């Protein structure tokens, strides 16, 4: 029987916050809406402040409500960790690993990671969320994920880095592009060709905008998209180039449908990729196994496409 350490009132409040109304939470939990509403009103009485703003179309958390929900999610994460630790103590090879990762890994590293663990550790399960680096840092902070696999995470004393390495920028092109097969190029040369770029919601574009905004001022991109997978399919045609790292196109570089041309501008600083955990919490054994696997898998895969890894 699973542990249920989260108080009923917090469970109800978190459900309403997640779905936006008492009625929707009632349907999801199978609990009468009146019972959920009573619990929330009782919590507001105890806290002596409203936890929700009530509108005709639903309910929105107040600042106090957000604080309470954050506490509830931390407790839920700790509840899951406790249950897993107890199973390990009983000798069970068991656990659910919660991983926050980048979209660029969704068709390369992540499927291979899941397949590897399915073969070796059949009872270890995964909960994988695709996030931005900012979201990853936040979720790691509140304890809702065990591991982060992210670009450009700033140094923080609350985080411990299991593995990190630089990811130099280059131009990714398809067969038939003028730069296909080139040994190197520069940003000024890249700007002479039609650009396909990631939109500002994705980490690579934000990183380039912050440091090399002149590139996009000088040449208006021909294609802007928030889908990395669509971007790569467009590049395969050979008409465009994208400025990114090898990791963003790892699968396509391995199968030869795309080609990576290193950028050699003197002041072009690389991104970083890191496997990070929260230094303040003990890491469950299952999550530790996943962290070790990622720390071995990433440099091995990147070396196949010609990137010599120098870990931090």
C-alpha atoms as a PDB file:
ATOM      1  CA  UNK A   1       0.000   0.000   0.000  1.00  0.00           C
ATOM      2  CA  UNK A   2       1.477   3.382  -0.959  1.00  0.00           C
ATOM      3  CA  UNK A   3       2.253   6.002   1.672  1.00  0.00           C
ATOM      4  CA  UNK A   4      -0.143   8.929   2.022  1.00  0.00           C
ATOM      5  CA  UNK A   5       1.618  11.513   4.162  1.00  0.00           C
ATOM      6  CA  UNK A   6       0.219  14.606   2.452  1.00  0.00           C
ATOM      7  CA  UNK A   7      -2.743  15.979   4.462  1.00  0.00           C
ATOM      8  CA  UNK A   8      -6.097  15.718   2.720  1.00  0.00           C
ATOM      9  CA  UNK A   9      -6.576  19.491   2.694  1.00  0.00           C
ATOM     10  CA  UNK A  10      -3.252  20.057   0.916  1.00  0.00           C
ATOM     11  CA  UNK A  11      -4.064  17.342  -1.581  1.00  0.00           C
ATOM     12  CA  UNK A  12      -7.368  19.038  -2.407  1.00  0.00           C
ATOM     13  CA  UNK A  13      -5.813  22.492  -2.617  1.00  0.00           C
ATOM     14  CA  UNK A  14      -3.078  21.293  -4.968  1.00  0.00           C
ATOM     15  CA  UNK A  15      -5.647  19.618  -7.213  1.00  0.00           C
ATOM     16  CA  UNK A  16      -7.752  22.792  -7.460  1.00  0.00           C
ATOM     17  CA  UNK A  17      -4.627  24.827  -8.217  1.00  0.00           C
ATOM     18  CA  UNK A  18      -3.666  22.375 -10.956  1.00  0.00           C
ATOM     19  CA  UNK A  19      -7.030  22.157 -12.754  1.00  0.00           C
ATOM     20  CA  UNK A  20      -8.411  25.609 -11.970  1.00  0.00           C
ATOM     21  CA  UNK A  21     -11.727  24.897 -10.250  1.00  0.00           C
ATOM     22  CA  UNK A  22     -13.341  22.940  -7.421  1.00  0.00           C
ATOM     23  CA  UNK A  23     -15.649  21.146  -9.867  1.00  0.00           C
ATOM     24  CA  UNK A  24     -12.773  19.964 -12.072  1.00  0.00           C
ATOM     25  CA  UNK A  25     -10.830  18.807  -8.999  1.00  0.00           C
ATOM     26  CA  UNK A  26     -13.933  16.950  -7.814  1.00  0.00           C
ATOM     27  CA  UNK A  27     -14.158  15.029 -11.087  1.00  0.00           C
ATOM     28  CA  UNK A  28     -10.432  14.233 -11.052  1.00  0.00           C
ATOM     29  CA  UNK A  29     -10.272  13.071  -7.428  1.00  0.00           C
ATOM     30  CA  UNK A  30     -13.714  11.459  -7.214  1.00  0.00           C
ATOM     31  CA  UNK A  31     -14.510  13.582  -4.138  1.00  0.00           C
ATOM     32  CA  UNK A  32     -17.615  15.730  -3.654  1.00  0.00           C
ATOM     33  CA  UNK A  33     -17.042  19.351  -4.615  1.00  0.00           C
ATOM     34  CA  UNK A  34     -18.607  20.493  -1.330  1.00  0.00           C
ATOM     35  CA  UNK A  35     -16.052  18.470   0.653  1.00  0.00           C
ATOM     36  CA  UNK A  36     -13.159  19.983  -1.286  1.00  0.00           C
ATOM     37  CA  UNK A  37     -14.569  23.495  -0.855  1.00  0.00           C
ATOM     38  CA  UNK A  38     -14.985  22.987   2.919  1.00  0.00           C
ATOM     39  CA  UNK A  39     -11.374  21.877   3.291  1.00  0.00           C
ATOM     40  CA  UNK A  40     -10.074  24.914   1.379  1.00  0.00           C
ATOM     41  CA  UNK A  41     -12.243  27.336   3.379  1.00  0.00           C
ATOM     42  CA  UNK A  42     -10.996  25.720   6.611  1.00  0.00           C
ATOM     43  CA  UNK A  43      -7.372  26.180   5.471  1.00  0.00           C
ATOM     44  CA  UNK A  44      -8.043  29.825   4.637  1.00  0.00           C
ATOM     45  CA  UNK A  45      -9.494  30.302   8.129  1.00  0.00           C
ATOM     46  CA  UNK A  46      -6.395  28.783   9.707  1.00  0.00           C
ATOM     47  CA  UNK A  47      -4.050  30.838   7.488  1.00  0.00           C
ATOM     48  CA  UNK A  48      -6.184  33.964   8.063  1.00  0.00           C
ATOM     49  CA  UNK A  49      -5.835  34.903   4.393  1.00  0.00           C
ATOM     50  CA  UNK A  50      -7.445  33.867   1.087  1.00  0.00           C
ATOM     51  CA  UNK A  51      -5.580  31.127  -0.782  1.00  0.00           C
ATOM     52  CA  UNK A  52      -7.564  31.564  -4.007  1.00  0.00           C
ATOM     53  CA  UNK A  53      -9.085  34.381  -5.998  1.00  0.00           C
ATOM     54  CA  UNK A  54     -12.554  33.154  -6.973  1.00  0.00           C
ATOM     55  CA  UNK A  55     -13.784  34.116 -10.451  1.00  0.00           C
ATOM     56  CA  UNK A  56     -16.758  33.093 -12.560  1.00  0.00           C
ATOM     57  CA  UNK A  57     -14.493  31.007 -14.795  1.00  0.00           C
ATOM     58  CA  UNK A  58     -12.474  29.347 -12.047  1.00  0.00           C
ATOM     59  CA  UNK A  59     -10.029  29.869  -9.209  1.00  0.00           C
ATOM     60  CA  UNK A  60      -6.563  31.417  -9.223  1.00  0.00           C
ATOM     61  CA  UNK A  61      -3.979  31.118  -6.466  1.00  0.00           C
ATOM     62  CA  UNK A  62      -3.114  34.152  -4.386  1.00  0.00           C
ATOM     63  CA  UNK A  63       0.493  34.710  -3.289  1.00  0.00           C
ATOM     64  CA  UNK A  64      -0.312  32.922  -0.035  1.00  0.00           C
ATOM     65  CA  UNK A  65      -1.890  30.076  -1.982  1.00  0.00           C
ATOM     66  CA  UNK A  66       1.201  29.709  -4.151  1.00  0.00           C
ATOM     67  CA  UNK A  67       3.313  29.364  -0.990  1.00  0.00           C
ATOM     68  CA  UNK A  68       1.043  26.640   0.367  1.00  0.00           C
ATOM     69  CA  UNK A  69       1.010  24.740  -2.951  1.00  0.00           C
ATOM     70  CA  UNK A  70       4.801  24.921  -3.092  1.00  0.00           C
ATOM     71  CA  UNK A  71       4.931  23.348   0.378  1.00  0.00           C
ATOM     72  CA  UNK A  72       2.469  20.649  -0.694  1.00  0.00           C
ATOM     73  CA  UNK A  73       4.573  19.729  -3.711  1.00  0.00           C
ATOM     74  CA  UNK A  74       7.717  19.532  -1.619  1.00  0.00           C
ATOM     75  CA  UNK A  75       5.966  17.219   0.830  1.00  0.00           C
ATOM     76  CA  UNK A  76       4.671  15.067  -2.005  1.00  0.00           C
ATOM     77  CA  UNK A  77       8.190  14.739  -3.427  1.00  0.00           C
ATOM     78  CA  UNK A  78       9.539  13.814   0.003  1.00  0.00           C
ATOM     79  CA  UNK A  79       6.725  11.275   0.399  1.00  0.00           C
ATOM     80  CA  UNK A  80       7.757   9.595  -2.861  1.00  0.00           C
ATOM     81  CA  UNK A  81      11.410   9.567  -1.800  1.00  0.00           C
ATOM     82  CA  UNK A  82      10.574   8.005   1.546  1.00  0.00           C
ATOM     83  CA  UNK A  83       8.525   5.261  -0.075  1.00  0.00           C
ATOM     84  CA  UNK A  84      11.354   4.480  -2.499  1.00  0.00           C
ATOM     85  CA  UNK A  85      13.992   4.450   0.262  1.00  0.00           C
ATOM     86  CA  UNK A  86      11.897   2.024   2.313  1.00  0.00           C
ATOM     87  CA  UNK A  87      11.552  -0.298  -0.672  1.00  0.00           C
ATOM     88  CA  UNK A  88      15.309  -0.179  -1.236  1.00  0.00           C
ATOM     89  CA  UNK A  89      15.864  -1.047   2.439  1.00  0.00           C
ATOM     90  CA  UNK A  90      13.652  -4.076   1.892  1.00  0.00           C
ATOM     91  CA  UNK A  91      15.955  -5.146  -0.932  1.00  0.00           C
ATOM     92  CA  UNK A  92      13.715  -4.111  -3.820  1.00  0.00           C
ATOM     93  CA  UNK A  93      15.389  -2.704  -6.958  1.00  0.00           C
ATOM     94  CA  UNK A  94      12.720  -0.072  -7.355  1.00  0.00           C
ATOM     95  CA  UNK A  95      12.194   3.625  -7.933  1.00  0.00           C
ATOM     96  CA  UNK A  96      10.680   6.356 -10.064  1.00  0.00           C
ATOM     97  CA  UNK A  97      13.286   8.814 -11.318  1.00  0.00           C
ATOM     98  CA  UNK A  98      11.968  12.293 -12.036  1.00  0.00           C
ATOM     99  CA  UNK A  99      14.064  13.970 -14.713  1.00  0.00           C
ATOM    100  CA  UNK A 100      13.848  17.472 -16.158  1.00  0.00           C
ATOM    101  CA  UNK A 101      15.499  17.740 -19.572  1.00  0.00           C
ATOM    102  CA  UNK A 102      15.729  19.772 -22.768  1.00  0.00           C
ATOM    103  CA  UNK A 103      13.688  19.204 -25.929  1.00  0.00           C
ATOM    104  CA  UNK A 104      16.868  18.636 -27.972  1.00  0.00           C
ATOM    105  CA  UNK A 105      17.389  15.345 -26.120  1.00  0.00           C
ATOM    106  CA  UNK A 106      13.931  13.972 -26.878  1.00  0.00           C
ATOM    107  CA  UNK A 107      14.957  12.042 -30.012  1.00  0.00           C
ATOM    108  CA  UNK A 108      18.504  11.117 -29.042  1.00  0.00           C
ATOM    109  CA  UNK A 109      19.779  10.672 -25.478  1.00  0.00           C
ATOM    110  CA  UNK A 110      16.471  10.226 -23.634  1.00  0.00           C
ATOM    111  CA  UNK A 111      15.034   7.290 -25.654  1.00  0.00           C
ATOM    112  CA  UNK A 112      18.339   5.441 -25.398  1.00  0.00           C
ATOM    113  CA  UNK A 113      18.502   6.105 -21.653  1.00  0.00           C
ATOM    114  CA  UNK A 114      15.005   4.691 -21.123  1.00  0.00           C
ATOM    115  CA  UNK A 115      15.786   1.649 -23.277  1.00  0.00           C
ATOM    116  CA  UNK A 116      19.011   0.960 -21.382  1.00  0.00           C
ATOM    117  CA  UNK A 117      17.210   0.973 -18.037  1.00  0.00           C
ATOM    118  CA  UNK A 118      14.336  -1.116 -19.364  1.00  0.00           C
ATOM    119  CA  UNK A 119      16.882  -3.848 -20.123  1.00  0.00           C
ATOM    120  CA  UNK A 120      18.969  -3.559 -16.926  1.00  0.00           C
ATOM    121  CA  UNK A 121      16.521  -2.402 -14.254  1.00  0.00           C
ATOM    122  CA  UNK A 122      12.980  -3.373 -15.193  1.00  0.00           C
ATOM    123  CA  UNK A 123      11.472  -1.960 -11.983  1.00  0.00           C
ATOM    124  CA  UNK A 124      13.004   1.503 -12.274  1.00  0.00           C
ATOM    125  CA  UNK A 125      10.498   3.898 -13.818  1.00  0.00           C
ATOM    126  CA  UNK A 126      10.830   7.371 -15.274  1.00  0.00           C
ATOM    127  CA  UNK A 127       8.890  10.604 -15.143  1.00  0.00           C
ATOM    128  CA  UNK A 128      10.448  12.896 -17.771  1.00  0.00           C
ATOM    129  CA  UNK A 129       9.383  16.506 -18.265  1.00  0.00           C
ATOM    130  CA  UNK A 130      10.682  18.683 -21.095  1.00  0.00           C
ATOM    131  CA  UNK A 131      11.483  22.116 -19.680  1.00  0.00           C
ATOM    132  CA  UNK A 132      13.436  25.303 -20.254  1.00  0.00           C
ATOM    133  CA  UNK A 133      16.630  25.777 -18.188  1.00  0.00           C
ATOM    134  CA  UNK A 134      14.784  28.305 -15.996  1.00  0.00           C
ATOM    135  CA  UNK A 135      11.999  25.812 -15.315  1.00  0.00           C
ATOM    136  CA  UNK A 136      14.506  23.054 -14.588  1.00  0.00           C
ATOM    137  CA  UNK A 137      16.296  25.225 -12.011  1.00  0.00           C
ATOM    138  CA  UNK A 138      12.982  26.039 -10.315  1.00  0.00           C
ATOM    139  CA  UNK A 139      11.732  22.440 -10.218  1.00  0.00           C
ATOM    140  CA  UNK A 140      15.064  21.246  -8.837  1.00  0.00           C
ATOM    141  CA  UNK A 141      14.866  23.960  -6.187  1.00  0.00           C
ATOM    142  CA  UNK A 142      11.410  22.901  -4.964  1.00  0.00           C
ATOM    143  CA  UNK A 143      12.263  19.210  -5.123  1.00  0.00           C
ATOM    144  CA  UNK A 144       9.771  18.110  -7.781  1.00  0.00           C
ATOM    145  CA  UNK A 145      12.539  16.502  -9.897  1.00  0.00           C
ATOM    146  CA  UNK A 146      15.530  14.389  -8.879  1.00  0.00           C
ATOM    147  CA  UNK A 147      17.851  15.178 -11.776  1.00  0.00           C
ATOM    148  CA  UNK A 148      18.285  18.004 -14.257  1.00  0.00           C
ATOM    149  CA  UNK A 149      19.851  17.633 -17.686  1.00  0.00           C
ATOM    150  CA  UNK A 150      20.065  21.195 -18.929  1.00  0.00           C
ATOM    151  CA  UNK A 151      21.952  23.877 -20.816  1.00  0.00           C
ATOM    152  CA  UNK A 152      23.692  26.833 -19.199  1.00  0.00           C
ATOM    153  CA  UNK A 153      22.621  26.313 -15.594  1.00  0.00           C
ATOM    154  CA  UNK A 154      24.346  28.947 -13.442  1.00  0.00           C
ATOM    155  CA  UNK A 155      26.501  27.842 -10.527  1.00  0.00           C
ATOM    156  CA  UNK A 156      24.523  27.605  -7.303  1.00  0.00           C
ATOM    157  CA  UNK A 157      25.667  26.305  -3.918  1.00  0.00           C
ATOM    158  CA  UNK A 158      22.368  24.410  -3.542  1.00  0.00           C
ATOM    159  CA  UNK A 159      23.112  22.331  -6.672  1.00  0.00           C
ATOM    160  CA  UNK A 160      25.688  19.587  -7.213  1.00  0.00           C
ATOM    161  CA  UNK A 161      26.965  18.919 -10.734  1.00  0.00           C
ATOM    162  CA  UNK A 162      27.514  15.242 -11.537  1.00  0.00           C
ATOM    163  CA  UNK A 163      28.882  16.017 -15.007  1.00  0.00           C
ATOM    164  CA  UNK A 164      29.306  19.089 -17.176  1.00  0.00           C
ATOM    165  CA  UNK A 165      31.009  19.934 -20.457  1.00  0.00           C
ATOM    166  CA  UNK A 166      31.197  22.773 -22.990  1.00  0.00           C
ATOM    167  CA  UNK A 167      29.142  22.646 -26.191  1.00  0.00           C
ATOM    168  CA  UNK A 168      30.790  24.774 -28.911  1.00  0.00           C
ATOM    169  CA  UNK A 169      28.579  26.472 -31.464  1.00  0.00           C
ATOM    170  CA  UNK A 170      28.584  25.639 -35.141  1.00  0.00           C
ATOM    171  CA  UNK A 171      26.434  25.754 -38.263  1.00  0.00           C
ATOM    172  CA  UNK A 172      24.162  22.770 -38.871  1.00  0.00           C
ATOM    173  CA  UNK A 173      23.329  22.247 -42.548  1.00  0.00           C
ATOM    174  CA  UNK A 174      21.814  19.655 -44.863  1.00  0.00           C
ATOM    175  CA  UNK A 175      23.252  18.047 -47.982  1.00  0.00           C
ATOM    176  CA  UNK A 176      23.487  20.513 -50.860  1.00  0.00           C
ATOM    177  CA  UNK A 177      24.104  23.541 -48.661  1.00  0.00           C
ATOM    178  CA  UNK A 178      27.234  25.550 -49.658  1.00  0.00           C
ATOM    179  CA  UNK A 179      28.777  24.890 -46.218  1.00  0.00           C
ATOM    180  CA  UNK A 180      28.222  21.104 -46.324  1.00  0.00           C
ATOM    181  CA  UNK A 181      31.620  19.449 -45.779  1.00  0.00           C
ATOM    182  CA  UNK A 182      33.399  22.681 -44.728  1.00  0.00           C
ATOM    183  CA  UNK A 183      36.029  22.292 -41.993  1.00  0.00           C
ATOM    184  CA  UNK A 184      35.145  25.576 -40.272  1.00  0.00           C
ATOM    185  CA  UNK A 185      33.345  28.889 -40.741  1.00  0.00           C
ATOM    186  CA  UNK A 186      32.627  32.201 -38.982  1.00  0.00           C
ATOM    187  CA  UNK A 187      29.523  34.064 -37.853  1.00  0.00           C
ATOM    188  CA  UNK A 188      29.991  36.701 -40.565  1.00  0.00           C
ATOM    189  CA  UNK A 189      30.130  33.958 -43.217  1.00  0.00           C
ATOM    190  CA  UNK A 190      27.084  32.235 -41.721  1.00  0.00           C
ATOM    191  CA  UNK A 191      25.143  35.491 -41.904  1.00  0.00           C
ATOM    192  CA  UNK A 192      25.457  35.434 -45.714  1.00  0.00           C
ATOM    193  CA  UNK A 193      23.171  32.389 -45.898  1.00  0.00           C
ATOM    194  CA  UNK A 194      19.434  32.060 -45.135  1.00  0.00           C
ATOM    195  CA  UNK A 195      19.055  31.393 -41.410  1.00  0.00           C
ATOM    196  CA  UNK A 196      16.603  29.086 -39.682  1.00  0.00           C
ATOM    197  CA  UNK A 197      16.473  29.847 -35.966  1.00  0.00           C
ATOM    198  CA  UNK A 198      14.793  28.695 -32.794  1.00  0.00           C
ATOM    199  CA  UNK A 199      12.287  31.106 -31.268  1.00  0.00           C
ATOM    200  CA  UNK A 200      13.089  32.992 -28.084  1.00  0.00           C
ATOM    201  CA  UNK A 201      11.294  30.485 -25.858  1.00  0.00           C
ATOM    202  CA  UNK A 202      14.099  27.975 -26.521  1.00  0.00           C
ATOM    203  CA  UNK A 203      17.438  28.185 -24.683  1.00  0.00           C
ATOM    204  CA  UNK A 204      19.837  28.384 -27.641  1.00  0.00           C
ATOM    205  CA  UNK A 205      18.098  31.429 -29.130  1.00  0.00           C
ATOM    206  CA  UNK A 206      18.046  33.212 -25.771  1.00  0.00           C
ATOM    207  CA  UNK A 207      21.733  32.510 -25.311  1.00  0.00           C
ATOM    208  CA  UNK A 208      22.599  33.843 -28.779  1.00  0.00           C
ATOM    209  CA  UNK A 209      20.341  36.891 -28.403  1.00  0.00           C
ATOM    210  CA  UNK A 210      22.025  37.832 -25.155  1.00  0.00           C
ATOM    211  CA  UNK A 211      25.562  37.646 -26.533  1.00  0.00           C
ATOM    212  CA  UNK A 212      25.345  37.970 -30.341  1.00  0.00           C
ATOM    213  CA  UNK A 213      22.160  39.915 -31.055  1.00  0.00           C
ATOM    214  CA  UNK A 214      23.917  41.707 -33.949  1.00  0.00           C
ATOM    215  CA  UNK A 215      23.693  38.509 -35.937  1.00  0.00           C
ATOM    216  CA  UNK A 216      19.899  38.692 -36.113  1.00  0.00           C
ATOM    217  CA  UNK A 217      19.890  42.479 -36.532  1.00  0.00           C
ATOM    218  CA  UNK A 218      22.151  42.127 -39.562  1.00  0.00           C
ATOM    219  CA  UNK A 219      20.266  39.231 -41.171  1.00  0.00           C
ATOM    220  CA  UNK A 220      16.574  38.640 -40.599  1.00  0.00           C
ATOM    221  CA  UNK A 221      15.988  34.878 -40.180  1.00  0.00           C
ATOM    222  CA  UNK A 222      14.059  33.216 -42.989  1.00  0.00           C
ATOM    223  CA  UNK A 223      12.453  30.765 -40.571  1.00  0.00           C
ATOM    224  CA  UNK A 224      11.684  31.118 -36.846  1.00  0.00           C
ATOM    225  CA  UNK A 225      10.094  28.195 -34.991  1.00  0.00           C
ATOM    226  CA  UNK A 226       9.609  26.946 -31.431  1.00  0.00           C
ATOM    227  CA  UNK A 227       9.919  23.333 -32.642  1.00  0.00           C
ATOM    228  CA  UNK A 228      13.452  21.999 -32.741  1.00  0.00           C
ATOM    229  CA  UNK A 229      12.264  18.859 -34.526  1.00  0.00           C
ATOM    230  CA  UNK A 230      10.627  20.911 -37.320  1.00  0.00           C
ATOM    231  CA  UNK A 231      13.740  23.078 -37.575  1.00  0.00           C
ATOM    232  CA  UNK A 232      15.936  20.029 -38.151  1.00  0.00           C
ATOM    233  CA  UNK A 233      13.638  18.594 -40.793  1.00  0.00           C
ATOM    234  CA  UNK A 234      13.797  21.932 -42.614  1.00  0.00           C
ATOM    235  CA  UNK A 235      17.604  21.967 -42.479  1.00  0.00           C
ATOM    236  CA  UNK A 236      17.795  18.535 -44.135  1.00  0.00           C
ATOM    237  CA  UNK A 237      16.591  20.112 -47.384  1.00  0.00           C
ATOM    238  CA  UNK A 238      19.877  22.047 -47.683  1.00  0.00           C
ATOM    239  CA  UNK A 239      18.461  25.548 -48.141  1.00  0.00           C
ATOM    240  CA  UNK A 240      19.053  26.899 -44.630  1.00  0.00           C
ATOM    241  CA  UNK A 241      21.559  26.783 -41.806  1.00  0.00           C
ATOM    242  CA  UNK A 242      21.040  26.929 -38.052  1.00  0.00           C
ATOM    243  CA  UNK A 243      23.538  28.087 -35.439  1.00  0.00           C
ATOM    244  CA  UNK A 244      23.481  25.662 -32.540  1.00  0.00           C
ATOM    245  CA  UNK A 245      25.454  22.863 -30.884  1.00  0.00           C
ATOM    246  CA  UNK A 246      25.954  19.254 -31.913  1.00  0.00           C
ATOM    247  CA  UNK A 247      23.688  18.068 -29.127  1.00  0.00           C
ATOM    248  CA  UNK A 248      20.648  19.756 -30.686  1.00  0.00           C
ATOM    249  CA  UNK A 249      21.049  17.619 -33.831  1.00  0.00           C
ATOM    250  CA  UNK A 250      22.791  14.574 -32.401  1.00  0.00           C
ATOM    251  CA  UNK A 251      20.610  11.892 -34.006  1.00  0.00           C
ATOM    252  CA  UNK A 252      20.713  13.551 -37.429  1.00  0.00           C
ATOM    253  CA  UNK A 253      24.487  14.090 -37.274  1.00  0.00           C
ATOM    254  CA  UNK A 254      24.952  10.422 -36.416  1.00  0.00           C
ATOM    255  CA  UNK A 255      22.837   9.210 -39.328  1.00  0.00           C
ATOM    256  CA  UNK A 256      24.461  11.649 -41.770  1.00  0.00           C
ATOM    257  CA  UNK A 257      21.349  13.646 -42.702  1.00  0.00           C
ATOM    258  CA  UNK A 258      22.865  16.817 -41.221  1.00  0.00           C
ATOM    259  CA  UNK A 259      26.425  18.142 -41.019  1.00  0.00           C
ATOM    260  CA  UNK A 260      28.060  20.293 -38.334  1.00  0.00           C
ATOM    261  CA  UNK A 261      30.531  23.045 -39.295  1.00  0.00           C
ATOM    262  CA  UNK A 262      32.452  24.480 -36.290  1.00  0.00           C
ATOM    263  CA  UNK A 263      32.391  28.249 -35.797  1.00  0.00           C
ATOM    264  CA  UNK A 264      35.857  29.605 -35.063  1.00  0.00           C
ATOM    265  CA  UNK A 265      35.171  33.221 -34.035  1.00  0.00           C
ATOM    266  CA  UNK A 266      37.635  34.094 -31.290  1.00  0.00           C
ATOM    267  CA  UNK A 267      35.112  35.476 -28.787  1.00  0.00           C
ATOM    268  CA  UNK A 268      32.339  32.945 -29.400  1.00  0.00           C
ATOM    269  CA  UNK A 269      31.845  31.289 -26.013  1.00  0.00           C
ATOM    270  CA  UNK A 270      30.286  27.811 -25.909  1.00  0.00           C
ATOM    271  CA  UNK A 271      27.177  26.755 -24.062  1.00  0.00           C
ATOM    272  CA  UNK A 272      27.401  24.150 -21.310  1.00  0.00           C
ATOM    273  CA  UNK A 273      25.456  20.948 -20.754  1.00  0.00           C
ATOM    274  CA  UNK A 274      25.187  19.606 -17.205  1.00  0.00           C
ATOM    275  CA  UNK A 275      23.720  16.753 -15.202  1.00  0.00           C
ATOM    276  CA  UNK A 276      22.746  18.341 -11.889  1.00  0.00           C
ATOM    277  CA  UNK A 277      21.086  17.307  -8.617  1.00  0.00           C
ATOM    278  CA  UNK A 278      19.994  19.172  -5.501  1.00  0.00           C
ATOM    279  CA  UNK A 279      22.924  19.150  -3.071  1.00  0.00           C
ATOM    280  CA  UNK A 280      20.599  19.581  -0.074  1.00  0.00           C
ATOM    281  CA  UNK A 281      18.709  16.312  -0.492  1.00  0.00           C
ATOM    282  CA  UNK A 282      19.897  12.698  -0.497  1.00  0.00           C
ATOM    283  CA  UNK A 283      19.747  11.201  -3.976  1.00  0.00           C
ATOM    284  CA  UNK A 284      17.714   7.967  -4.215  1.00  0.00           C
ATOM    285  CA  UNK A 285      19.679   5.010  -5.513  1.00  0.00           C
ATOM    286  CA  UNK A 286      17.624   4.792  -8.705  1.00  0.00           C
ATOM    287  CA  UNK A 287      18.299   8.458  -9.484  1.00  0.00           C
ATOM    288  CA  UNK A 288      21.977   7.961  -8.723  1.00  0.00           C
ATOM    289  CA  UNK A 289      22.132   5.128 -11.255  1.00  0.00           C
ATOM    290  CA  UNK A 290      20.495   7.356 -13.869  1.00  0.00           C
ATOM    291  CA  UNK A 291      22.910  10.209 -13.136  1.00  0.00           C
ATOM    292  CA  UNK A 292      25.879   7.889 -13.558  1.00  0.00           C
ATOM    293  CA  UNK A 293      24.456   6.516 -16.812  1.00  0.00           C
ATOM    294  CA  UNK A 294      23.921  10.005 -18.248  1.00  0.00           C
ATOM    295  CA  UNK A 295      27.437  11.042 -17.251  1.00  0.00           C
ATOM    296  CA  UNK A 296      28.812   8.135 -19.293  1.00  0.00           C
ATOM    297  CA  UNK A 297      26.331   8.226 -22.175  1.00  0.00           C
ATOM    298  CA  UNK A 298      26.582  11.915 -23.085  1.00  0.00           C
ATOM    299  CA  UNK A 299      30.346  12.143 -23.731  1.00  0.00           C
ATOM    300  CA  UNK A 300      30.317   8.784 -25.527  1.00  0.00           C
ATOM    301  CA  UNK A 301      27.536   9.879 -27.896  1.00  0.00           C
ATOM    302  CA  UNK A 302      29.044  13.304 -28.550  1.00  0.00           C
ATOM    303  CA  UNK A 303      32.436  11.780 -29.319  1.00  0.00           C
ATOM    304  CA  UNK A 304      30.783   9.850 -32.172  1.00  0.00           C
ATOM    305  CA  UNK A 305      30.053  13.121 -33.969  1.00  0.00           C
ATOM    306  CA  UNK A 306      33.563  14.434 -33.478  1.00  0.00           C
ATOM    307  CA  UNK A 307      33.257  16.477 -30.289  1.00  0.00           C
ATOM    308  CA  UNK A 308      36.137  15.851 -27.907  1.00  0.00           C
ATOM    309  CA  UNK A 309      34.680  16.299 -24.439  1.00  0.00           C
ATOM    310  CA  UNK A 310      36.603  18.214 -21.776  1.00  0.00           C
ATOM    311  CA  UNK A 311      34.496  17.904 -18.659  1.00  0.00           C
ATOM    312  CA  UNK A 312      34.289  20.618 -15.998  1.00  0.00           C
END
